[in-house]
Each structure stands twice: as structure tokens, then as C-alpha cells.
């Protein structure tokens, strides 16, 4: 089922494969489709394709905007195959794994692990990482797709602090499961977060700490778009999340943990998808000059005032 009012939308930055990747995911996952493609002209990256798509009811956006950021596993997506909801779950997890494996790279092979009968972590041919798991939730149901943040390097051990910060900023939020590393989990420190999930604006997320030697960290390749209904909301998220002034640009900000967010007016999609070429050009020109979005100025640009 699609969350029609999804407030937080994962956004993936590709060099030039956004449309191709979105179509690939629509062919790989159940209940998935590309919903719109818009081309933005005259941006600093030239002409950029912006794509909206759904994977198993979860909305995503992607852009082809040049080779500036490299996708890595610091942000991945859990895919829950739930036998209590789908009798073919065990077969489906293998099918999806096989399709994602084409040209991809297994980070943890699809196998039996202490925490799951069947689990695997794969980086697909475009660089996006997926954690496929055969779940059998005794308790509360979780959605099919859940974004996951991995805290490594100097950010390792900060998963709990990040989760608390996000829970304090977003409405309709609450803590879910918390599993901590036990003693003897070296190099992971006892008490840090092995796995935890939480809900922001009725959407589930997970966080994990990992002290292993990873050669990656959070960057702008995957960001989270927060759809806002008013300037007050835009101001609220901007003030609470932005921690790196030099990263502020076109509605993008970086928080104190290095995670990228885009704080955008909810109606911007409509302007860019339904506007005339002239309206789209004016709105694009206006927002490219902004750091934090000014909703009134975007309306003026759209109307040509």
C-alpha cells in the first residue's frame, strides 16, 4: 500500500542513470512504478532528469545531476519479505536478490544468520544498497521498505544520539526496537546500537553503529526530502537540522552527523511536474539562487510576477 501522505522521501543522486535505475527498480520489486519524469534545464549540472517512482508503495525521487557524489552503503534500504503477509515471501526474496545481483556486489551473502532465516546485503549495479530480509514479525508490522542509516568511522557510536535528535524534531514519531551490542562484540563497543528502528512522520527508519573499518560515510548521494506545507515548517526543520552552513544550497542541508536533507515545499513537485516549460524554468532559476527555500518567492516565480 502506498503512503499517499508520505512526508519524507528518500532522494537518490545519480550521475546520469536516474531514469534507467528507476525503471530497473520498477521491474525488480513488487508493486513498483515510475510515476513521473521531469527535465530541469540550465542547472549547474546542465539538463537534469528528475524522476519520481515508487518501490513497493514507498515513494522515492532521483536525479541525474553529474558525477559529484558516489553512492555507498552508509544509507541502505531494508526490504522486508514477510511470510505472514505473503506466502511466497521466501521465493520472492531469492528472485529480487538475483535481479539486484546482476552487475551488483554482495556485501553480506544471502544466507541464514543468527538474526534471520534468510538475509543478504547487496549493492546494486548503480551503487544503491539493499538489505533483503525474510521477516516474521511477531509484534508490530513494518513496511516493506525501510531506510537505514549506518554510523561508521568518527560517527560510530552516535546512532542513538541521532535517533533522539530526529525523534525530537519530527512529529508523529516514536521509538521502536533497540538492540545493543553485547560484551565481546569487538570491535563494536558494548552498549552501542546494533540495530534500532523508529518512526518519523509515520515512516519507519533504522539506525546501526558499526566500528568495523568502513571506507565510506554519509554524503549527498542519498538524502531525505522533507515535504513542508508552510514556510513555518521549512524554517523549523532548517533551524533544527542544519549544522554545516557551507553545505546549505537549493533547499539542501547537512546535519551534525553528516546526513543530507532537502527541506522543500510539498507543492514544488506539482510546480515542476505540471507547470509549463516557462513556469518550470522560472521556478528552477529562482530556487537555484536560494539556500533555504522561500515559499512566497517560489510562488511569485511560478506565477511570473
Protein backbone atom coordinates (compact mmCIF):
# COMPACT_ATOMS: atom_id res chain seq x y z
CA UNK A 1 0.00 0.00 0.00
CA UNK A 2 1.24 3.46 -0.89
CA UNK A 3 1.60 6.03 1.83
CA UNK A 4 -0.17 8.87 -0.03
CA UNK A 5 0.89 11.45 2.54
CA UNK A 6 4.50 10.36 2.77
CA UNK A 7 6.28 13.39 4.22
CA UNK A 8 9.88 12.12 4.00
CA UNK A 9 11.03 10.87 0.61
CA UNK A 10 14.44 9.25 0.03
CA UNK A 11 16.24 11.03 -2.82
CA UNK A 12 19.00 9.33 -4.84
CA UNK A 13 21.61 11.27 -6.84
CA UNK A 14 22.92 9.55 -9.95
CA UNK A 15 25.46 10.71 -12.49
CA UNK A 16 23.12 10.12 -15.45
CA UNK A 17 21.24 6.88 -14.73
CA UNK A 18 18.24 8.12 -12.70
CA UNK A 19 15.57 7.19 -15.27
CA UNK A 20 17.23 3.88 -16.14
CA UNK A 21 17.63 2.96 -12.44
CA UNK A 22 14.02 3.88 -11.58
CA UNK A 23 12.75 1.70 -14.43
CA UNK A 24 15.04 -1.12 -13.27
CA UNK A 25 13.64 -0.96 -9.69
CA UNK A 26 10.09 -0.90 -11.06
CA UNK A 27 10.89 -4.17 -12.85
CA UNK A 28 12.60 -5.79 -9.83
CA UNK A 29 10.31 -5.09 -6.88
CA UNK A 30 6.62 -5.92 -6.39
CA UNK A 31 4.07 -3.08 -6.62
CA UNK A 32 6.58 -0.60 -8.05
CA UNK A 33 6.31 2.00 -10.82
CA UNK A 34 7.81 5.18 -12.25
CA UNK A 35 5.32 8.00 -11.63
CA UNK A 36 6.89 11.00 -13.39
CA UNK A 37 9.98 12.26 -15.19
CA UNK A 38 10.72 16.00 -15.47
CA UNK A 39 13.77 17.61 -17.07
CA UNK A 40 15.19 20.68 -15.34
CA UNK A 41 17.13 22.89 -17.77
CA UNK A 42 20.08 25.25 -17.17
CA UNK A 43 21.09 23.97 -13.73
CA UNK A 44 24.76 24.00 -12.64
CA UNK A 45 24.81 20.34 -13.78
CA UNK A 46 23.24 21.20 -17.17
CA UNK A 47 19.95 19.48 -18.01
CA UNK A 48 18.90 17.14 -15.21
CA UNK A 49 16.27 14.41 -15.29
CA UNK A 50 14.23 14.32 -12.11
CA UNK A 51 12.30 11.11 -11.55
CA UNK A 52 9.57 10.19 -9.07
CA UNK A 53 8.99 6.47 -8.52
CA UNK A 54 7.55 4.01 -6.03
CA UNK A 55 9.12 0.84 -4.72
CA UNK A 56 6.65 -1.46 -3.03
CA UNK A 57 4.49 1.50 -2.04
CA UNK A 58 7.38 3.64 -0.76
CA UNK A 59 7.92 6.88 -2.68
CA UNK A 60 11.38 7.77 -3.93
CA UNK A 61 12.88 10.55 -6.01
CA UNK A 62 16.05 10.52 -8.08
CA UNK A 63 18.01 12.98 -10.16
CA UNK A 64 20.69 12.67 -12.85
CA UNK A 65 22.93 15.59 -11.97
CA UNK A 66 26.52 14.61 -12.69
CA UNK A 67 29.31 12.61 -11.03
CA UNK A 68 29.56 14.68 -7.85
CA UNK A 69 28.61 12.13 -5.19
CA UNK A 70 29.34 8.43 -5.01
CA UNK A 71 26.63 6.13 -3.67
CA UNK A 72 27.79 3.99 -0.74
CA UNK A 73 26.28 1.67 1.91
CA UNK A 74 26.07 4.29 4.71
CA UNK A 75 22.42 4.67 3.68
CA UNK A 76 20.72 1.47 2.55
CA UNK A 77 17.17 0.20 2.33
CA UNK A 78 15.78 -2.73 4.27
CA UNK A 79 13.36 -4.80 2.21
CA UNK A 80 11.06 -6.87 4.41
CA UNK A 81 9.73 -10.07 2.87
CA UNK A 82 7.10 -11.14 5.36
CA UNK A 83 5.76 -14.72 5.17
CA UNK A 84 2.80 -13.75 7.37
CA UNK A 85 1.73 -11.27 4.67
CA UNK A 86 2.87 -13.18 1.59
CA UNK A 87 3.05 -16.96 1.34
CA UNK A 88 5.62 -16.65 -1.50
CA UNK A 89 7.95 -14.40 0.54
CA UNK A 90 10.82 -16.94 0.60
CA UNK A 91 10.66 -17.35 -3.17
CA UNK A 92 10.36 -13.57 -3.78
CA UNK A 93 13.42 -12.71 -1.69
CA UNK A 94 15.52 -15.03 -3.89
CA UNK A 95 14.06 -13.56 -7.11
CA UNK A 96 14.74 -9.96 -6.05
CA UNK A 97 18.24 -10.87 -4.82
CA UNK A 98 19.08 -12.48 -8.16
CA UNK A 99 17.92 -9.43 -10.12
CA UNK A 100 19.79 -6.96 -7.87
CA UNK A 101 22.91 -9.15 -8.13
CA UNK A 102 23.22 -8.60 -11.89
CA UNK A 103 26.26 -6.34 -12.09
CA UNK A 104 25.99 -5.78 -8.32
CA UNK A 105 28.14 -6.76 -5.38
CA UNK A 106 27.15 -8.78 -2.30
CA UNK A 107 28.23 -7.09 0.94
CA UNK A 108 26.79 -9.98 3.03
CA UNK A 109 25.70 -13.09 1.09
CA UNK A 110 22.06 -14.19 1.10
CA UNK A 111 22.16 -16.83 3.81
CA UNK A 112 20.96 -17.88 7.25
CA UNK A 113 22.19 -15.62 10.08
CA UNK A 114 21.60 -15.65 13.87
CA UNK A 115 19.08 -12.80 13.45
CA UNK A 116 17.25 -14.11 10.37
CA UNK A 117 16.46 -17.32 8.50
CA UNK A 118 17.32 -15.53 5.26
CA UNK A 119 19.16 -12.23 4.91
CA UNK A 120 21.56 -10.58 2.48
CA UNK A 121 23.05 -7.13 1.86
CA UNK A 122 23.66 -6.19 -1.77
CA UNK A 123 24.94 -3.12 -3.60
CA UNK A 124 23.23 -3.00 -6.99
CA UNK A 125 24.88 -2.09 -10.31
CA UNK A 126 24.06 1.60 -9.76
CA UNK A 127 25.59 1.67 -6.26
CA UNK A 128 22.40 1.64 -4.14
CA UNK A 129 22.48 -0.82 -1.21
CA UNK A 130 19.61 -3.08 -0.17
CA UNK A 131 19.26 -5.31 2.89
CA UNK A 132 16.87 -8.11 1.99
CA UNK A 133 15.40 -9.94 4.97
CA UNK A 134 12.82 -12.66 5.45
CA UNK A 135 10.96 -11.26 8.43
CA UNK A 136 8.45 -12.90 10.64
CA UNK A 137 7.41 -10.06 12.91
CA UNK A 138 5.76 -11.47 15.97
CA UNK A 139 4.94 -7.94 17.03
CA UNK A 140 4.06 -4.91 15.03
CA UNK A 141 4.17 -4.96 11.24
CA UNK A 142 6.85 -2.96 9.50
CA UNK A 143 6.56 -1.58 5.96
CA UNK A 144 8.20 -3.38 3.05
CA UNK A 145 10.88 -0.70 2.54
CA UNK A 146 12.70 0.97 5.44
CA UNK A 147 15.63 3.40 5.00
CA UNK A 148 18.61 2.51 7.18
CA UNK A 149 21.50 4.70 8.42
CA UNK A 150 24.87 3.14 9.27
CA UNK A 151 27.10 5.14 11.63
CA UNK A 152 30.77 4.36 10.93
CA UNK A 153 34.21 5.93 11.39
CA UNK A 154 34.13 9.00 13.62
CA UNK A 155 30.30 8.83 13.56
CA UNK A 156 30.27 5.32 15.05
CA UNK A 157 28.56 5.31 18.45
CA UNK A 158 26.34 8.26 17.51
CA UNK A 159 23.33 6.30 16.21
CA UNK A 160 21.43 6.74 19.48
CA UNK A 161 22.10 10.48 19.65
CA UNK A 162 20.98 10.89 16.01
CA UNK A 163 17.81 8.92 16.63
CA UNK A 164 16.98 11.06 19.70
CA UNK A 165 17.56 14.24 17.71
CA UNK A 166 15.30 13.13 14.86
CA UNK A 167 12.59 11.96 17.27
CA UNK A 168 12.64 15.40 18.91
CA UNK A 169 12.34 17.30 15.60
CA UNK A 170 9.69 15.36 13.69
CA UNK A 171 6.05 14.92 14.66
CA UNK A 172 4.15 11.61 14.62
CA UNK A 173 7.34 9.94 15.82
CA UNK A 174 8.19 7.21 18.28
CA UNK A 175 10.87 4.76 19.29
CA UNK A 176 10.66 1.14 18.16
CA UNK A 177 13.02 -1.75 18.95
CA UNK A 178 16.50 -1.18 20.41
CA UNK A 179 19.14 -3.92 20.33
CA UNK A 180 22.58 -3.07 21.73
CA UNK A 181 25.91 -4.79 21.15
CA UNK A 182 26.65 -7.22 23.99
CA UNK A 183 30.03 -7.52 25.66
CA UNK A 184 32.64 -9.19 23.47
CA UNK A 185 31.36 -7.80 20.16
CA UNK A 186 34.74 -6.25 19.29
CA UNK A 187 35.46 -4.02 17.51
CA UNK A 188 31.93 -2.86 18.33
CA UNK A 189 31.59 -1.30 21.73
CA UNK A 190 29.22 -2.81 24.27
CA UNK A 191 26.01 -0.79 24.57
CA UNK A 192 26.22 0.93 21.18
CA UNK A 193 23.37 0.34 18.74
CA UNK A 194 23.46 -2.99 16.93
CA UNK A 195 20.02 -2.26 15.46
CA UNK A 196 17.21 0.11 16.30
CA UNK A 197 14.14 1.31 14.49
CA UNK A 198 12.00 4.39 14.99
CA UNK A 199 9.18 6.26 13.31
CA UNK A 200 9.26 9.85 11.97
CA UNK A 201 6.07 11.32 10.47
CA UNK A 202 4.58 7.79 10.48
CA UNK A 203 7.55 6.41 8.49
CA UNK A 204 9.95 3.80 9.81
CA UNK A 205 13.75 4.20 9.76
CA UNK A 206 16.55 2.10 11.22
CA UNK A 207 19.98 3.00 12.60
CA UNK A 208 23.08 0.90 13.34
CA UNK A 209 26.57 1.60 14.67
CA UNK A 210 29.50 -0.27 13.13
CA UNK A 211 33.09 0.05 14.37
CA UNK A 212 34.44 -2.11 11.55
CA UNK A 213 36.80 -0.41 9.14
CA UNK A 214 34.48 1.03 6.50
CA UNK A 215 35.85 3.29 3.78
CA UNK A 216 32.69 5.36 3.37
CA UNK A 217 30.49 7.85 5.20
CA UNK A 218 27.26 9.79 4.75
CA UNK A 219 27.19 12.09 1.73
CA UNK A 220 24.69 13.81 -0.59
CA UNK A 221 24.25 10.80 -2.88
CA UNK A 222 21.27 9.78 -0.75
CA UNK A 223 19.34 12.50 1.04
CA UNK A 224 15.91 12.73 2.62
CA UNK A 225 13.39 15.19 1.20
CA UNK A 226 11.04 16.60 3.81
CA UNK A 227 7.82 17.88 2.22
CA UNK A 228 6.60 21.01 4.04
CA UNK A 229 3.17 22.69 3.89
CA UNK A 230 4.25 26.13 5.08
CA UNK A 231 7.20 28.49 5.48
CA UNK A 232 6.99 27.88 9.26
CA UNK A 233 7.63 24.17 8.70
CA UNK A 234 10.54 24.90 6.34
CA UNK A 235 12.03 27.26 8.97
CA UNK A 236 11.54 24.70 11.76
CA UNK A 237 13.40 21.85 10.03
CA UNK A 238 16.09 24.17 8.70
CA UNK A 239 16.84 25.62 12.10
CA UNK A 240 16.83 22.26 13.91
CA UNK A 241 18.74 20.18 11.36
CA UNK A 242 21.24 22.37 9.52
CA UNK A 243 24.71 22.12 11.07
CA UNK A 244 27.07 22.75 8.14
CA UNK A 245 26.49 26.30 6.78
CA UNK A 246 28.68 25.75 3.71
CA UNK A 247 26.53 22.76 2.67
CA UNK A 248 23.34 24.85 2.55
CA UNK A 249 22.17 25.14 -1.04
CA UNK A 250 18.91 24.95 -3.01
CA UNK A 251 16.95 23.58 -0.04
CA UNK A 252 19.72 21.08 0.86
CA UNK A 253 21.35 20.96 4.28
CA UNK A 254 23.65 18.62 6.19
CA UNK A 255 23.01 17.74 9.83
CA UNK A 256 25.63 17.30 12.57
CA UNK A 257 26.01 13.60 11.74
CA UNK A 258 26.68 14.24 8.04
CA UNK A 259 23.23 13.11 6.84
CA UNK A 260 21.80 15.23 3.99
CA UNK A 261 18.23 16.54 3.98
CA UNK A 262 16.24 18.56 1.49
CA UNK A 263 13.65 20.82 3.07
CA UNK A 264 11.17 21.51 0.28
CA UNK A 265 7.65 22.87 -0.16
CA UNK A 266 5.22 19.98 -0.75
CA UNK A 267 3.77 21.85 -3.74
CA UNK A 268 7.12 22.12 -5.51
CA UNK A 269 6.67 18.69 -7.14
CA UNK A 270 3.42 19.88 -8.65
CA UNK A 271 5.01 23.10 -9.92
CA UNK A 272 7.81 21.13 -11.60
CA UNK A 273 5.61 18.31 -12.88
CA UNK A 274 2.54 20.25 -14.02
CA UNK A 275 3.96 23.68 -14.85
CA UNK A 276 4.52 24.96 -18.38
CA UNK A 277 8.15 24.92 -19.60
CA UNK A 278 8.31 28.67 -18.82
CA UNK A 279 6.96 28.17 -15.29
CA UNK A 280 9.41 25.33 -14.64
CA UNK A 281 12.29 27.46 -15.96
CA UNK A 282 11.32 30.40 -13.69
CA UNK A 283 10.93 28.22 -10.59
CA UNK A 284 14.25 26.44 -11.29
CA UNK A 285 16.04 29.77 -11.75
CA UNK A 286 14.53 31.08 -8.50
CA UNK A 287 15.36 28.07 -6.34
CA UNK A 288 18.92 27.75 -7.66
CA UNK A 289 19.65 31.13 -6.02
CA UNK A 290 18.23 30.10 -2.63
CA UNK A 291 19.76 28.30 0.33
CA UNK A 292 16.66 27.85 2.50
CA UNK A 293 13.55 27.88 0.31
CA UNK A 294 11.38 30.99 0.33
CA UNK A 295 7.88 29.77 -0.44
CA UNK A 296 6.45 33.21 -1.31
CA UNK A 297 9.28 33.89 -3.78
CA UNK A 298 8.74 30.49 -5.43
CA UNK A 299 5.02 31.26 -5.82
CA UNK A 300 5.90 34.60 -7.44
CA UNK A 301 8.33 32.93 -9.83
CA UNK A 302 5.70 30.32 -10.75
CA UNK A 303 3.09 32.99 -11.46
CA UNK A 304 5.62 35.13 -13.31
CA UNK A 305 5.23 38.12 -11.00
